[in-house]
């Protein structure tokens, strides 16, 4: 059961690591490229937006410079789009490494927890994001709010 936003984001990071391993193994087929497309869509249209909207402002208030992480989100969006357009395996592998390294850097500076009130807001956004449960295996009922 997920009880706070940081645990949720770390869970999503773990889902991405697993998906990326499968994607690397499947890039010689259309299945791998389709998985990369849906993973990139999830990163750009959900995961990075939630971090930018809810987590990074809190980190800034704690005196942490989040600009490099926000810039990484832009790089990941643009580079991932190019990877999908060009369908180059070497670029895809580099993209995967960039995202994984970025997520590991985030986890180094994430606080142990953020307020549960933020989790409520994330859950409201989650209900509007089509395909969240299918992508992560989580539903709003897997998240605990007092």
C-alpha atoms as a PDB file:
ATOM      1  CA  UNK A   1       0.000   0.000   0.000  1.00  0.00           C
ATOM      2  CA  UNK A   2       1.308   3.435  -0.954  1.00  0.00           C
ATOM      3  CA  UNK A   3       0.877   6.050   1.784  1.00  0.00           C
ATOM      4  CA  UNK A   4       2.719   9.135   0.517  1.00  0.00           C
ATOM      5  CA  UNK A   5       3.727  10.824  -2.755  1.00  0.00           C
ATOM      6  CA  UNK A   6       7.421   9.930  -2.505  1.00  0.00           C
ATOM      7  CA  UNK A   7       6.616   6.225  -2.155  1.00  0.00           C
ATOM      8  CA  UNK A   8       4.358   6.519  -5.188  1.00  0.00           C
ATOM      9  CA  UNK A   9       7.065   8.169  -7.294  1.00  0.00           C
ATOM     10  CA  UNK A  10       9.650   5.595  -6.220  1.00  0.00           C
ATOM     11  CA  UNK A  11       7.190   2.851  -7.128  1.00  0.00           C
ATOM     12  CA  UNK A  12       6.740   4.427 -10.566  1.00  0.00           C
ATOM     13  CA  UNK A  13      10.540   4.616 -10.936  1.00  0.00           C
ATOM     14  CA  UNK A  14      10.695   0.878 -10.220  1.00  0.00           C
ATOM     15  CA  UNK A  15       7.979   0.191 -12.800  1.00  0.00           C
ATOM     16  CA  UNK A  16       9.976   2.201 -15.343  1.00  0.00           C
ATOM     17  CA  UNK A  17      13.174   0.255 -14.609  1.00  0.00           C
ATOM     18  CA  UNK A  18      11.385  -3.059 -15.157  1.00  0.00           C
ATOM     19  CA  UNK A  19       9.675  -1.865 -18.333  1.00  0.00           C
ATOM     20  CA  UNK A  20      12.957  -0.506 -19.688  1.00  0.00           C
ATOM     21  CA  UNK A  21      14.655  -3.862 -19.183  1.00  0.00           C
ATOM     22  CA  UNK A  22      11.925  -5.576 -21.173  1.00  0.00           C
ATOM     23  CA  UNK A  23      12.037  -2.846 -23.824  1.00  0.00           C
ATOM     24  CA  UNK A  24      15.803  -3.247 -24.294  1.00  0.00           C
ATOM     25  CA  UNK A  25      15.286  -6.957 -24.823  1.00  0.00           C
ATOM     26  CA  UNK A  26      12.519  -6.340 -27.390  1.00  0.00           C
ATOM     27  CA  UNK A  27      13.809  -3.407 -29.482  1.00  0.00           C
ATOM     28  CA  UNK A  28      14.368  -5.678 -32.452  1.00  0.00           C
ATOM     29  CA  UNK A  29      10.587  -6.083 -32.711  1.00  0.00           C
ATOM     30  CA  UNK A  30       7.610  -3.787 -33.089  1.00  0.00           C
ATOM     31  CA  UNK A  31       6.536  -4.793 -29.570  1.00  0.00           C
ATOM     32  CA  UNK A  32       9.622  -3.159 -28.060  1.00  0.00           C
ATOM     33  CA  UNK A  33       9.065   0.094 -29.923  1.00  0.00           C
ATOM     34  CA  UNK A  34       5.386   0.169 -28.941  1.00  0.00           C
ATOM     35  CA  UNK A  35       6.335  -0.395 -25.298  1.00  0.00           C
ATOM     36  CA  UNK A  36       8.872   2.428 -25.562  1.00  0.00           C
ATOM     37  CA  UNK A  37       6.188   4.691 -27.042  1.00  0.00           C
ATOM     38  CA  UNK A  38       3.719   3.993 -24.215  1.00  0.00           C
ATOM     39  CA  UNK A  39       6.457   4.328 -21.599  1.00  0.00           C
ATOM     40  CA  UNK A  40       7.601   7.663 -23.009  1.00  0.00           C
ATOM     41  CA  UNK A  41       3.971   8.835 -23.076  1.00  0.00           C
ATOM     42  CA  UNK A  42       3.595   7.886 -19.389  1.00  0.00           C
ATOM     43  CA  UNK A  43       6.818   9.661 -18.419  1.00  0.00           C
ATOM     44  CA  UNK A  44       6.039  12.879 -20.285  1.00  0.00           C
ATOM     45  CA  UNK A  45       2.297  13.120 -19.718  1.00  0.00           C
ATOM     46  CA  UNK A  46       2.082  11.790 -16.182  1.00  0.00           C
ATOM     47  CA  UNK A  47       5.210  11.121 -14.176  1.00  0.00           C
ATOM     48  CA  UNK A  48       7.271  14.233 -14.966  1.00  0.00           C
ATOM     49  CA  UNK A  49       4.209  16.475 -14.732  1.00  0.00           C
ATOM     50  CA  UNK A  50       3.357  15.171 -11.255  1.00  0.00           C
ATOM     51  CA  UNK A  51       6.924  15.765 -10.080  1.00  0.00           C
ATOM     52  CA  UNK A  52       6.958  19.273 -11.576  1.00  0.00           C
ATOM     53  CA  UNK A  53       3.543  20.154 -10.166  1.00  0.00           C
ATOM     54  CA  UNK A  54       3.656  18.645  -6.676  1.00  0.00           C
ATOM     55  CA  UNK A  55       7.146  17.588  -5.616  1.00  0.00           C
ATOM     56  CA  UNK A  56       9.545  20.139  -7.053  1.00  0.00           C
ATOM     57  CA  UNK A  57       7.813  23.146  -5.436  1.00  0.00           C
ATOM     58  CA  UNK A  58       8.195  21.491  -2.021  1.00  0.00           C
ATOM     59  CA  UNK A  59      11.857  20.731  -2.712  1.00  0.00           C
ATOM     60  CA  UNK A  60      12.416  24.362  -3.738  1.00  0.00           C
ATOM     61  CA  UNK A  61      10.929  25.522  -0.428  1.00  0.00           C
ATOM     62  CA  UNK A  62      13.472  23.238   1.257  1.00  0.00           C
ATOM     63  CA  UNK A  63      16.248  25.111  -0.551  1.00  0.00           C
ATOM     64  CA  UNK A  64      16.950  22.440  -3.160  1.00  0.00           C
ATOM     65  CA  UNK A  65      17.719  23.588  -6.693  1.00  0.00           C
ATOM     66  CA  UNK A  66      15.311  21.634  -8.891  1.00  0.00           C
ATOM     67  CA  UNK A  67      16.053  23.499 -12.117  1.00  0.00           C
ATOM     68  CA  UNK A  68      18.420  20.767 -13.401  1.00  0.00           C
ATOM     69  CA  UNK A  69      15.718  18.158 -12.815  1.00  0.00           C
ATOM     70  CA  UNK A  70      13.083  20.258 -14.573  1.00  0.00           C
ATOM     71  CA  UNK A  71      15.501  20.749 -17.455  1.00  0.00           C
ATOM     72  CA  UNK A  72      16.023  16.978 -17.561  1.00  0.00           C
ATOM     73  CA  UNK A  73      12.271  16.563 -18.018  1.00  0.00           C
ATOM     74  CA  UNK A  74      12.420  18.788 -21.092  1.00  0.00           C
ATOM     75  CA  UNK A  75      15.423  16.884 -22.440  1.00  0.00           C
ATOM     76  CA  UNK A  76      13.703  13.535 -21.862  1.00  0.00           C
ATOM     77  CA  UNK A  77      10.585  14.754 -23.660  1.00  0.00           C
ATOM     78  CA  UNK A  78      12.469  16.079 -26.707  1.00  0.00           C
ATOM     79  CA  UNK A  79      15.034  13.303 -26.953  1.00  0.00           C
ATOM     80  CA  UNK A  80      12.424  10.592 -26.441  1.00  0.00           C
ATOM     81  CA  UNK A  81      10.355  12.079 -29.243  1.00  0.00           C
ATOM     82  CA  UNK A  82      13.373  11.964 -31.542  1.00  0.00           C
ATOM     83  CA  UNK A  83      14.150   8.381 -30.533  1.00  0.00           C
ATOM     84  CA  UNK A  84      10.622   7.299 -31.408  1.00  0.00           C
ATOM     85  CA  UNK A  85      10.701   9.179 -34.702  1.00  0.00           C
ATOM     86  CA  UNK A  86      14.087   7.846 -35.842  1.00  0.00           C
ATOM     87  CA  UNK A  87      13.742   4.382 -34.229  1.00  0.00           C
ATOM     88  CA  UNK A  88      17.453   4.008 -33.636  1.00  0.00           C
ATOM     89  CA  UNK A  89      18.325   1.326 -31.117  1.00  0.00           C
ATOM     90  CA  UNK A  90      21.468   3.159 -29.935  1.00  0.00           C
ATOM     91  CA  UNK A  91      19.431   6.288 -29.282  1.00  0.00           C
ATOM     92  CA  UNK A  92      16.772   4.244 -27.457  1.00  0.00           C
ATOM     93  CA  UNK A  93      19.378   2.681 -25.194  1.00  0.00           C
ATOM     94  CA  UNK A  94      20.821   6.129 -24.457  1.00  0.00           C
ATOM     95  CA  UNK A  95      17.323   7.475 -23.722  1.00  0.00           C
ATOM     96  CA  UNK A  96      16.714   4.634 -21.276  1.00  0.00           C
ATOM     97  CA  UNK A  97      20.009   5.361 -19.497  1.00  0.00           C
ATOM     98  CA  UNK A  98      19.165   9.088 -19.286  1.00  0.00           C
ATOM     99  CA  UNK A  99      15.772   8.401 -17.691  1.00  0.00           C
ATOM    100  CA  UNK A 100      17.134   5.844 -15.238  1.00  0.00           C
ATOM    101  CA  UNK A 101      20.016   8.133 -14.185  1.00  0.00           C
ATOM    102  CA  UNK A 102      17.618  11.060 -13.835  1.00  0.00           C
ATOM    103  CA  UNK A 103      15.307   9.021 -11.594  1.00  0.00           C
ATOM    104  CA  UNK A 104      18.212   7.870  -9.432  1.00  0.00           C
ATOM    105  CA  UNK A 105      19.348  11.493  -9.031  1.00  0.00           C
ATOM    106  CA  UNK A 106      15.845  12.475  -7.962  1.00  0.00           C
ATOM    107  CA  UNK A 107      15.714   9.718  -5.379  1.00  0.00           C
ATOM    108  CA  UNK A 108      18.924  11.039  -3.810  1.00  0.00           C
ATOM    109  CA  UNK A 109      17.269  14.360  -3.000  1.00  0.00           C
ATOM    110  CA  UNK A 110      13.682  13.303  -2.345  1.00  0.00           C
ATOM    111  CA  UNK A 111      12.647  13.742   1.287  1.00  0.00           C
ATOM    112  CA  UNK A 112      11.533  10.579   3.052  1.00  0.00           C
ATOM    113  CA  UNK A 113       7.905  11.656   2.825  1.00  0.00           C
ATOM    114  CA  UNK A 114       5.688  14.469   1.661  1.00  0.00           C
ATOM    115  CA  UNK A 115       2.355  15.372   3.156  1.00  0.00           C
ATOM    116  CA  UNK A 116      -0.562  13.118   2.494  1.00  0.00           C
ATOM    117  CA  UNK A 117      -2.606  16.125   1.359  1.00  0.00           C
ATOM    118  CA  UNK A 118      -0.412  16.119  -1.767  1.00  0.00           C
ATOM    119  CA  UNK A 119      -1.269  12.455  -2.309  1.00  0.00           C
ATOM    120  CA  UNK A 120      -4.963  13.372  -2.343  1.00  0.00           C
ATOM    121  CA  UNK A 121      -4.306  15.867  -5.135  1.00  0.00           C
ATOM    122  CA  UNK A 122      -2.241  13.322  -7.067  1.00  0.00           C
ATOM    123  CA  UNK A 123      -5.046  10.758  -6.754  1.00  0.00           C
ATOM    124  CA  UNK A 124      -7.511  13.279  -8.178  1.00  0.00           C
ATOM    125  CA  UNK A 125      -5.171  13.798 -11.136  1.00  0.00           C
ATOM    126  CA  UNK A 126      -4.658  10.039 -11.438  1.00  0.00           C
ATOM    127  CA  UNK A 127      -8.381   9.496 -11.925  1.00  0.00           C
ATOM    128  CA  UNK A 128      -8.183  11.746 -15.000  1.00  0.00           C
ATOM    129  CA  UNK A 129      -5.105  10.083 -16.531  1.00  0.00           C
ATOM    130  CA  UNK A 130      -6.333   7.341 -18.830  1.00  0.00           C
ATOM    131  CA  UNK A 131      -4.352   4.122 -18.599  1.00  0.00           C
ATOM    132  CA  UNK A 132      -2.616   4.782 -15.279  1.00  0.00           C
ATOM    133  CA  UNK A 133      -3.728   1.514 -13.695  1.00  0.00           C
ATOM    134  CA  UNK A 134      -2.896  -0.525 -16.775  1.00  0.00           C
ATOM    135  CA  UNK A 135       0.598   0.961 -16.932  1.00  0.00           C
ATOM    136  CA  UNK A 136       1.542   0.688 -13.237  1.00  0.00           C
ATOM    137  CA  UNK A 137      -0.752  -2.006 -11.889  1.00  0.00           C
ATOM    138  CA  UNK A 138      -1.934   0.457  -9.221  1.00  0.00           C
ATOM    139  CA  UNK A 139      -5.341   1.961  -8.745  1.00  0.00           C
ATOM    140  CA  UNK A 140      -6.531   4.709  -6.453  1.00  0.00           C
ATOM    141  CA  UNK A 141      -7.524   1.958  -4.003  1.00  0.00           C
ATOM    142  CA  UNK A 142      -3.873   0.924  -3.592  1.00  0.00           C
ATOM    143  CA  UNK A 143      -3.132   4.356  -2.147  1.00  0.00           C
ATOM    144  CA  UNK A 144      -3.881   5.027   1.507  1.00  0.00           C
ATOM    145  CA  UNK A 145      -5.109   8.362   2.749  1.00  0.00           C
ATOM    146  CA  UNK A 146      -6.295   8.906   6.310  1.00  0.00           C
END
